[in-house]
Amino acid sequence: QVQLVESGGGLVQAGGSLRLSCAASGSIFSINVMGWYRQAPGKQRVLVAAITSGGSTNYADSVRGRFTISRDNAKNTVYLQMNSLKPEDTAVYYCNARPAGASPNFGSWGQGTQVTVSS
């Protein structure tokens, strides 16, 4: 079992920045991919960004160039630096950790952290 604890959400004005953190504990040896997903009201949960243990990254088109995902393997922590935030970035952001080749729903989820961007 992997436990994920997120922090760093909040309320920010459009154009501002936030940094999310997600710390993993438990069976961390099983983790290869860590990522951030978001879910806006009435919408499906979608990928924001993901990073492998080797440092390969993947971003949603809507955030590429504005968000940066990074990972500290020694601390078992993944970060999401969000710059130039837009009102459409408002959502609950969830951390996910999973083995290589597994789908996100096969992995572990954090409890979610609210990000609200005001116009």
C-alpha atoms as a PDB file:
ATOM      1  CA  GLN A   1       0.000   0.000   0.000  1.00  0.00           C
ATOM      2  CA  VAL A   2       1.139   3.494  -0.858  1.00  0.00           C
ATOM      3  CA  GLN A   3      -0.110   6.541   1.017  1.00  0.00           C
ATOM      4  CA  LEU A   4      -0.032   9.942  -0.627  1.00  0.00           C
ATOM      5  CA  VAL A   5      -0.388  13.263   1.173  1.00  0.00           C
ATOM      6  CA  GLU A   6      -0.865  16.428  -0.877  1.00  0.00           C
ATOM      7  CA  SER A   7      -0.370  20.021   0.148  1.00  0.00           C
ATOM      8  CA  GLY A   8      -0.101  23.467  -1.385  1.00  0.00           C
ATOM      9  CA  GLY A   9      -3.516  24.201  -2.841  1.00  0.00           C
ATOM     10  CA  GLY A  10      -5.368  27.427  -2.260  1.00  0.00           C
ATOM     11  CA  LEU A  11      -6.891  30.546  -3.762  1.00  0.00           C
ATOM     12  CA  VAL A  12      -4.888  32.668  -6.179  1.00  0.00           C
ATOM     13  CA  GLN A  13      -5.612  35.394  -8.694  1.00  0.00           C
ATOM     14  CA  ALA A  14      -5.286  34.791 -12.397  1.00  0.00           C
ATOM     15  CA  GLY A  15      -1.657  35.087 -13.445  1.00  0.00           C
ATOM     16  CA  GLY A  16      -0.417  33.934 -10.074  1.00  0.00           C
ATOM     17  CA  SER A  17       1.491  30.831  -9.037  1.00  0.00           C
ATOM     18  CA  LEU A  18       1.075  27.892  -6.703  1.00  0.00           C
ATOM     19  CA  ARG A  19       3.245  24.896  -5.873  1.00  0.00           C
ATOM     20  CA  LEU A  20       1.696  21.554  -5.009  1.00  0.00           C
ATOM     21  CA  SER A  21       3.561  18.822  -3.142  1.00  0.00           C
ATOM     22  CA  CYS A  22       2.775  15.142  -2.741  1.00  0.00           C
ATOM     23  CA  ALA A  23       4.688  12.943  -0.328  1.00  0.00           C
ATOM     24  CA  ALA A  24       4.542   9.167  -0.665  1.00  0.00           C
ATOM     25  CA  SER A  25       4.985   6.616   2.096  1.00  0.00           C
ATOM     26  CA  GLY A  26       4.435   2.903   2.556  1.00  0.00           C
ATOM     27  CA  SER A  27       5.328   0.496  -0.256  1.00  0.00           C
ATOM     28  CA  ILE A  28       7.260   3.115  -2.201  1.00  0.00           C
ATOM     29  CA  PHE A  29       9.441   0.493  -3.904  1.00  0.00           C
ATOM     30  CA  SER A  30       6.473  -0.228  -6.164  1.00  0.00           C
ATOM     31  CA  ILE A  31       6.252   3.331  -7.465  1.00  0.00           C
ATOM     32  CA  ASN A  32       7.584   4.227 -10.880  1.00  0.00           C
ATOM     33  CA  VAL A  33       5.236   6.920 -12.194  1.00  0.00           C
ATOM     34  CA  MET A  34       3.939   9.816 -10.142  1.00  0.00           C
ATOM     35  CA  GLY A  35       1.499  12.295 -11.539  1.00  0.00           C
ATOM     36  CA  TRP A  36      -1.046  15.009 -10.979  1.00  0.00           C
ATOM     37  CA  TYR A  37      -4.627  14.839 -12.161  1.00  0.00           C
ATOM     38  CA  ARG A  38      -7.418  17.361 -11.765  1.00  0.00           C
ATOM     39  CA  GLN A  39     -11.159  17.262 -11.655  1.00  0.00           C
ATOM     40  CA  ALA A  40     -13.348  20.307 -12.157  1.00  0.00           C
ATOM     41  CA  PRO A  41     -17.005  20.275 -11.049  1.00  0.00           C
ATOM     42  CA  GLY A  42     -19.113  18.188 -13.405  1.00  0.00           C
ATOM     43  CA  LYS A  43     -16.105  16.998 -15.376  1.00  0.00           C
ATOM     44  CA  GLN A  44     -13.963  13.890 -15.520  1.00  0.00           C
ATOM     45  CA  ARG A  45     -10.623  13.576 -13.783  1.00  0.00           C
ATOM     46  CA  VAL A  46      -7.875  14.257 -16.317  1.00  0.00           C
ATOM     47  CA  LEU A  47      -4.113  14.072 -16.447  1.00  0.00           C
ATOM     48  CA  VAL A  48      -2.210  17.284 -15.782  1.00  0.00           C
ATOM     49  CA  ALA A  49       1.364  16.001 -15.704  1.00  0.00           C
ATOM     50  CA  ALA A  50       3.308  12.855 -14.904  1.00  0.00           C
ATOM     51  CA  ILE A  51       6.923  11.946 -14.273  1.00  0.00           C
ATOM     52  CA  THR A  52       8.749   8.634 -14.150  1.00  0.00           C
ATOM     53  CA  SER A  53      11.449   7.661 -11.677  1.00  0.00           C
ATOM     54  CA  GLY A  54      13.943   8.317 -14.466  1.00  0.00           C
ATOM     55  CA  GLY A  55      12.695  11.854 -14.965  1.00  0.00           C
ATOM     56  CA  SER A  56      10.678  11.512 -18.163  1.00  0.00           C
ATOM     57  CA  THR A  57       7.714  13.889 -18.152  1.00  0.00           C
ATOM     58  CA  ASN A  58       4.364  14.168 -19.858  1.00  0.00           C
ATOM     59  CA  TYR A  59       2.044  17.195 -19.813  1.00  0.00           C
ATOM     60  CA  ALA A  60      -1.484  17.970 -20.875  1.00  0.00           C
ATOM     61  CA  ASP A  61      -1.535  20.430 -23.772  1.00  0.00           C
ATOM     62  CA  SER A  62      -3.519  22.891 -21.666  1.00  0.00           C
ATOM     63  CA  VAL A  63      -0.722  23.296 -19.114  1.00  0.00           C
ATOM     64  CA  ARG A  64       2.444  22.754 -21.153  1.00  0.00           C
ATOM     65  CA  GLY A  65       4.732  25.745 -20.783  1.00  0.00           C
ATOM     66  CA  ARG A  66       2.983  26.962 -17.624  1.00  0.00           C
ATOM     67  CA  PHE A  67       3.263  23.991 -15.255  1.00  0.00           C
ATOM     68  CA  THR A  68       6.383  22.049 -14.300  1.00  0.00           C
ATOM     69  CA  ILE A  69       6.405  18.652 -12.635  1.00  0.00           C
ATOM     70  CA  SER A  70       9.460  17.534 -10.695  1.00  0.00           C
ATOM     71  CA  ARG A  71      10.369  14.743  -8.361  1.00  0.00           C
ATOM     72  CA  ASP A  72      12.724  14.181  -5.447  1.00  0.00           C
ATOM     73  CA  ASN A  73      13.241  10.432  -5.308  1.00  0.00           C
ATOM     74  CA  ALA A  74      15.201  10.672  -2.051  1.00  0.00           C
ATOM     75  CA  LYS A  75      12.196  12.314  -0.382  1.00  0.00           C
ATOM     76  CA  ASN A  76       9.594  10.286  -2.298  1.00  0.00           C
ATOM     77  CA  THR A  77       7.931  13.555  -3.178  1.00  0.00           C
ATOM     78  CA  VAL A  78       6.546  14.963  -6.409  1.00  0.00           C
ATOM     79  CA  TYR A  79       5.928  18.658  -7.022  1.00  0.00           C
ATOM     80  CA  LEU A  80       3.794  20.638  -9.437  1.00  0.00           C
ATOM     81  CA  GLN A  81       4.856  24.237 -10.000  1.00  0.00           C
ATOM     82  CA  MET A  82       1.936  26.098 -11.537  1.00  0.00           C
ATOM     83  CA  ASN A  83       2.596  29.493 -13.099  1.00  0.00           C
ATOM     84  CA  SER A  84       0.421  31.873 -15.112  1.00  0.00           C
ATOM     85  CA  LEU A  85      -2.664  30.313 -13.592  1.00  0.00           C
ATOM     86  CA  LYS A  86      -5.993  30.768 -15.340  1.00  0.00           C
ATOM     87  CA  PRO A  87      -9.555  30.502 -13.999  1.00  0.00           C
ATOM     88  CA  GLU A  88      -9.969  27.320 -16.052  1.00  0.00           C
ATOM     89  CA  ASP A  89      -7.240  25.710 -13.926  1.00  0.00           C
ATOM     90  CA  THR A  90      -9.687  25.719 -11.006  1.00  0.00           C
ATOM     91  CA  ALA A  91     -10.191  22.129  -9.870  1.00  0.00           C
ATOM     92  CA  VAL A  92      -9.390  19.574  -7.205  1.00  0.00           C
ATOM     93  CA  TYR A  93      -5.882  18.315  -7.895  1.00  0.00           C
ATOM     94  CA  TYR A  94      -5.069  14.695  -7.080  1.00  0.00           C
ATOM     95  CA  CYS A  95      -1.692  13.029  -6.763  1.00  0.00           C
ATOM     96  CA  ASN A  96      -1.293   9.547  -8.222  1.00  0.00           C
ATOM     97  CA  ALA A  97       1.462   6.950  -7.859  1.00  0.00           C
ATOM     98  CA  ARG A  98       1.654   3.699  -9.767  1.00  0.00           C
ATOM     99  CA  PRO A  99       4.007   0.992 -11.019  1.00  0.00           C
ATOM    100  CA  ALA A 100       5.477   1.173 -14.508  1.00  0.00           C
ATOM    101  CA  GLY A 101       2.969   0.214 -17.171  1.00  0.00           C
ATOM    102  CA  ALA A 102      -0.021   0.356 -14.840  1.00  0.00           C
ATOM    103  CA  SER A 103      -3.067   2.494 -15.387  1.00  0.00           C
ATOM    104  CA  PRO A 104      -3.690   5.320 -12.909  1.00  0.00           C
ATOM    105  CA  ASN A 105      -6.671   3.541 -11.406  1.00  0.00           C
ATOM    106  CA  PHE A 106      -4.406   0.626 -10.530  1.00  0.00           C
ATOM    107  CA  GLY A 107      -2.246   2.948  -8.438  1.00  0.00           C
ATOM    108  CA  SER A 108      -2.794   5.031  -5.311  1.00  0.00           C
ATOM    109  CA  TRP A 109      -4.538   8.386  -5.029  1.00  0.00           C
ATOM    110  CA  GLY A 110      -4.133  11.232  -2.607  1.00  0.00           C
ATOM    111  CA  GLN A 111      -7.068  12.926  -0.942  1.00  0.00           C
ATOM    112  CA  GLY A 112      -7.030  15.895  -3.297  1.00  0.00           C
ATOM    113  CA  THR A 113      -6.262  19.566  -2.816  1.00  0.00           C
ATOM    114  CA  GLN A 114      -8.423  22.430  -4.047  1.00  0.00           C
ATOM    115  CA  VAL A 115      -6.958  25.007  -6.397  1.00  0.00           C
ATOM    116  CA  THR A 116      -9.123  28.028  -7.110  1.00  0.00           C
ATOM    117  CA  VAL A 117      -8.076  30.729  -9.565  1.00  0.00           C
ATOM    118  CA  SER A 118     -10.075  33.940  -9.484  1.00  0.00           C
ATOM    119  CA  SER A 119     -10.420  36.216 -12.484  1.00  0.00           C
END
